[in-house]
Amino acid sequence: QVKLVESGGGLVQPGGSLRLSCTASGSIFAIYRWNWYRQVAGKQREEVAAVTSGDDTQYADFVKGRFTISRDAARNMVFLQMNNVKPEDTAVYYCNALCAISSDSPVYDYWGQGTQVTVPS
């Protein structure tokens, strides 16, 4: 019922910038935590960044100082601003949200379909 859709991926040169977006739709009472993950084919998914409903943020060491996560609660959106990208940032990036669909429902993780980011070497 809850759907997440990412956008903004593409090809970007090393040192360049890219902004990813994710929009949540459906019956949503609250989004408690947003996450961005990324995955290279054949490797395990890794967390990139997270932001809570209280706007606390967390970043993986490999993106600190380069990427910024932010949210727009009114629009049920989250963003990942990617600056000074490197070839090793090449991956499929996935949006994830920890949501409740009503005030008395449990919380579940929901996932987007992913968007490809390619940084050539």
C-alpha atoms as a PDB file:
ATOM      1  CA  GLN A   1       0.000   0.000   0.000  1.00  0.00           C
ATOM      2  CA  VAL A   2       2.881   2.352   0.749  1.00  0.00           C
ATOM      3  CA  LYS A   3       4.983   3.004  -2.331  1.00  0.00           C
ATOM      4  CA  LEU A   4       8.345   4.706  -2.627  1.00  0.00           C
ATOM      5  CA  VAL A   5       9.669   6.011  -5.939  1.00  0.00           C
ATOM      6  CA  GLU A   6      13.205   7.301  -6.463  1.00  0.00           C
ATOM      7  CA  SER A   7      14.374   9.662  -9.167  1.00  0.00           C
ATOM      8  CA  GLY A   8      17.422  11.708 -10.089  1.00  0.00           C
ATOM      9  CA  GLY A   9      19.968   9.039 -10.901  1.00  0.00           C
ATOM     10  CA  GLY A  10      22.158   9.096 -13.961  1.00  0.00           C
ATOM     11  CA  LEU A  11      25.683   9.559 -15.248  1.00  0.00           C
ATOM     12  CA  VAL A  12      27.845  12.152 -13.528  1.00  0.00           C
ATOM     13  CA  GLN A  13      31.551  12.894 -13.869  1.00  0.00           C
ATOM     14  CA  PRO A  14      33.947  12.506 -10.937  1.00  0.00           C
ATOM     15  CA  GLY A  15      33.804  15.570  -8.741  1.00  0.00           C
ATOM     16  CA  GLY A  16      30.335  16.439  -9.965  1.00  0.00           C
ATOM     17  CA  SER A  17      27.039  16.599  -8.133  1.00  0.00           C
ATOM     18  CA  LEU A  18      23.730  14.798  -8.276  1.00  0.00           C
ATOM     19  CA  ARG A  19      20.529  15.048  -6.269  1.00  0.00           C
ATOM     20  CA  LEU A  20      18.374  11.995  -5.664  1.00  0.00           C
ATOM     21  CA  SER A  21      14.728  12.265  -4.635  1.00  0.00           C
ATOM     22  CA  CYS A  22      12.265   9.799  -3.184  1.00  0.00           C
ATOM     23  CA  THR A  23       8.533  10.250  -2.762  1.00  0.00           C
ATOM     24  CA  ALA A  24       6.309   8.116  -0.544  1.00  0.00           C
ATOM     25  CA  SER A  25       2.641   7.653  -1.373  1.00  0.00           C
ATOM     26  CA  GLY A  26      -0.297   5.713   0.017  1.00  0.00           C
ATOM     27  CA  SER A  27      -1.776   5.529   3.499  1.00  0.00           C
ATOM     28  CA  ILE A  28       0.902   6.947   5.768  1.00  0.00           C
ATOM     29  CA  PHE A  29       0.326   8.045   9.329  1.00  0.00           C
ATOM     30  CA  ALA A  30       3.946   8.814  10.058  1.00  0.00           C
ATOM     31  CA  ILE A  31       7.407   8.285   8.652  1.00  0.00           C
ATOM     32  CA  TYR A  32       9.818   7.833  11.524  1.00  0.00           C
ATOM     33  CA  ARG A  33      13.030   7.275   9.618  1.00  0.00           C
ATOM     34  CA  TRP A  34      14.245   7.649   6.054  1.00  0.00           C
ATOM     35  CA  ASN A  35      17.297   5.845   4.730  1.00  0.00           C
ATOM     36  CA  TRP A  36      19.320   5.784   1.554  1.00  0.00           C
ATOM     37  CA  TYR A  37      21.090   2.535   0.718  1.00  0.00           C
ATOM     38  CA  ARG A  38      23.222   1.591  -2.233  1.00  0.00           C
ATOM     39  CA  GLN A  39      24.230  -1.693  -3.806  1.00  0.00           C
ATOM     40  CA  VAL A  40      26.824  -2.716  -6.344  1.00  0.00           C
ATOM     41  CA  ALA A  41      25.950  -5.832  -8.338  1.00  0.00           C
ATOM     42  CA  GLY A  42      27.288  -8.902  -6.591  1.00  0.00           C
ATOM     43  CA  LYS A  43      27.911  -7.070  -3.329  1.00  0.00           C
ATOM     44  CA  GLN A  44      25.900  -6.521  -0.183  1.00  0.00           C
ATOM     45  CA  ARG A  45      23.668  -3.511   0.211  1.00  0.00           C
ATOM     46  CA  GLU A  46      25.133  -0.787   2.409  1.00  0.00           C
ATOM     47  CA  GLU A  47      23.554   2.118   4.230  1.00  0.00           C
ATOM     48  CA  VAL A  48      24.520   5.543   2.956  1.00  0.00           C
ATOM     49  CA  ALA A  49      22.560   7.991   5.101  1.00  0.00           C
ATOM     50  CA  ALA A  50      19.528   8.297   7.349  1.00  0.00           C
ATOM     51  CA  VAL A  51      17.314  11.029   8.752  1.00  0.00           C
ATOM     52  CA  THR A  52      14.705  10.691  11.506  1.00  0.00           C
ATOM     53  CA  SER A  53      11.423  12.483  12.069  1.00  0.00           C
ATOM     54  CA  GLY A  54      13.343  14.609  14.564  1.00  0.00           C
ATOM     55  CA  ASP A  55      15.856  15.504  11.821  1.00  0.00           C
ATOM     56  CA  ASP A  56      18.729  13.599  13.350  1.00  0.00           C
ATOM     57  CA  THR A  57      21.062  12.468  10.587  1.00  0.00           C
ATOM     58  CA  GLN A  58      23.567   9.655  10.194  1.00  0.00           C
ATOM     59  CA  TYR A  59      26.096   9.071   7.433  1.00  0.00           C
ATOM     60  CA  ALA A  60      28.354   6.272   6.393  1.00  0.00           C
ATOM     61  CA  ASP A  61      32.011   7.160   6.766  1.00  0.00           C
ATOM     62  CA  PHE A  62      32.598   6.945   3.033  1.00  0.00           C
ATOM     63  CA  VAL A  63      30.160   9.796   2.296  1.00  0.00           C
ATOM     64  CA  LYS A  64      30.682  12.108   5.265  1.00  0.00           C
ATOM     65  CA  GLY A  65      31.357  15.628   4.107  1.00  0.00           C
ATOM     66  CA  ARG A  66      30.180  14.857   0.571  1.00  0.00           C
ATOM     67  CA  PHE A  67      26.539  13.731   0.800  1.00  0.00           C
ATOM     68  CA  THR A  68      23.635  15.374   2.613  1.00  0.00           C
ATOM     69  CA  ILE A  69      20.288  13.781   3.440  1.00  0.00           C
ATOM     70  CA  SER A  70      17.216  15.912   4.034  1.00  0.00           C
ATOM     71  CA  ARG A  71      13.473  15.462   4.172  1.00  0.00           C
ATOM     72  CA  ASP A  72      10.296  17.341   3.328  1.00  0.00           C
ATOM     73  CA  ALA A  73       7.718  15.978   5.756  1.00  0.00           C
ATOM     74  CA  ALA A  74       4.827  17.885   4.194  1.00  0.00           C
ATOM     75  CA  ARG A  75       5.469  16.213   0.833  1.00  0.00           C
ATOM     76  CA  ASN A  76       6.590  12.817   2.179  1.00  0.00           C
ATOM     77  CA  MET A  77       9.885  13.181   0.392  1.00  0.00           C
ATOM     78  CA  VAL A  78      13.526  12.589   1.138  1.00  0.00           C
ATOM     79  CA  PHE A  79      16.570  13.786  -0.786  1.00  0.00           C
ATOM     80  CA  LEU A  80      20.199  12.842  -1.096  1.00  0.00           C
ATOM     81  CA  GLN A  81      22.481  15.613  -2.289  1.00  0.00           C
ATOM     82  CA  MET A  82      25.621  13.991  -3.648  1.00  0.00           C
ATOM     83  CA  ASN A  83      28.622  16.273  -4.055  1.00  0.00           C
ATOM     84  CA  ASN A  84      32.173  15.504  -5.146  1.00  0.00           C
ATOM     85  CA  VAL A  85      31.142  12.092  -6.393  1.00  0.00           C
ATOM     86  CA  LYS A  86      33.721   9.379  -6.958  1.00  0.00           C
ATOM     87  CA  PRO A  87      33.779   6.308  -9.211  1.00  0.00           C
ATOM     88  CA  GLU A  88      33.285   4.129  -6.146  1.00  0.00           C
ATOM     89  CA  ASP A  89      29.912   5.832  -5.624  1.00  0.00           C
ATOM     90  CA  THR A  90      28.623   3.956  -8.676  1.00  0.00           C
ATOM     91  CA  ALA A  91      25.712   1.818  -7.497  1.00  0.00           C
ATOM     92  CA  VAL A  92      21.968   1.432  -7.464  1.00  0.00           C
ATOM     93  CA  TYR A  93      20.615   3.732  -4.784  1.00  0.00           C
ATOM     94  CA  TYR A  94      17.510   2.692  -2.849  1.00  0.00           C
ATOM     95  CA  CYS A  95      15.153   4.742  -0.742  1.00  0.00           C
ATOM     96  CA  ASN A  96      13.815   3.172   2.456  1.00  0.00           C
ATOM     97  CA  ALA A  97      11.246   4.460   4.936  1.00  0.00           C
ATOM     98  CA  LEU A  98      10.156   3.238   8.355  1.00  0.00           C
ATOM     99  CA  CYS A  99       6.428   3.980   8.369  1.00  0.00           C
ATOM    100  CA  ALA A 100       3.229   3.525  10.302  1.00  0.00           C
ATOM    101  CA  ILE A 101      -0.003   3.531   8.311  1.00  0.00           C
ATOM    102  CA  SER A 102      -2.190   4.431  11.308  1.00  0.00           C
ATOM    103  CA  SER A 103      -1.775   5.522  14.903  1.00  0.00           C
ATOM    104  CA  ASP A 104      -2.201   1.960  16.193  1.00  0.00           C
ATOM    105  CA  SER A 105      -0.376   0.055  13.484  1.00  0.00           C
ATOM    106  CA  PRO A 106       3.103  -1.422  13.716  1.00  0.00           C
ATOM    107  CA  VAL A 107       5.931   0.137  11.791  1.00  0.00           C
ATOM    108  CA  TYR A 108       7.405  -1.482   8.701  1.00  0.00           C
ATOM    109  CA  ASP A 109      10.194  -0.820   6.263  1.00  0.00           C
ATOM    110  CA  TYR A 110       9.202   0.076   2.718  1.00  0.00           C
ATOM    111  CA  TRP A 111      11.532   0.196  -0.267  1.00  0.00           C
ATOM    112  CA  GLY A 112      11.754   1.974  -3.564  1.00  0.00           C
ATOM    113  CA  GLN A 113      12.745   0.363  -6.850  1.00  0.00           C
ATOM    114  CA  GLY A 114      16.185   1.954  -6.961  1.00  0.00           C
ATOM    115  CA  THR A 115      17.880   4.440  -9.244  1.00  0.00           C
ATOM    116  CA  GLN A 116      21.235   3.944 -10.963  1.00  0.00           C
ATOM    117  CA  VAL A 117      24.097   6.345 -10.309  1.00  0.00           C
ATOM    118  CA  THR A 118      27.163   5.946 -12.500  1.00  0.00           C
ATOM    119  CA  VAL A 119      30.433   7.807 -11.977  1.00  0.00           C
ATOM    120  CA  PRO A 120      33.011   6.824 -14.609  1.00  0.00           C
ATOM    121  CA  SER A 121      36.661   6.440 -13.727  1.00  0.00           C
END
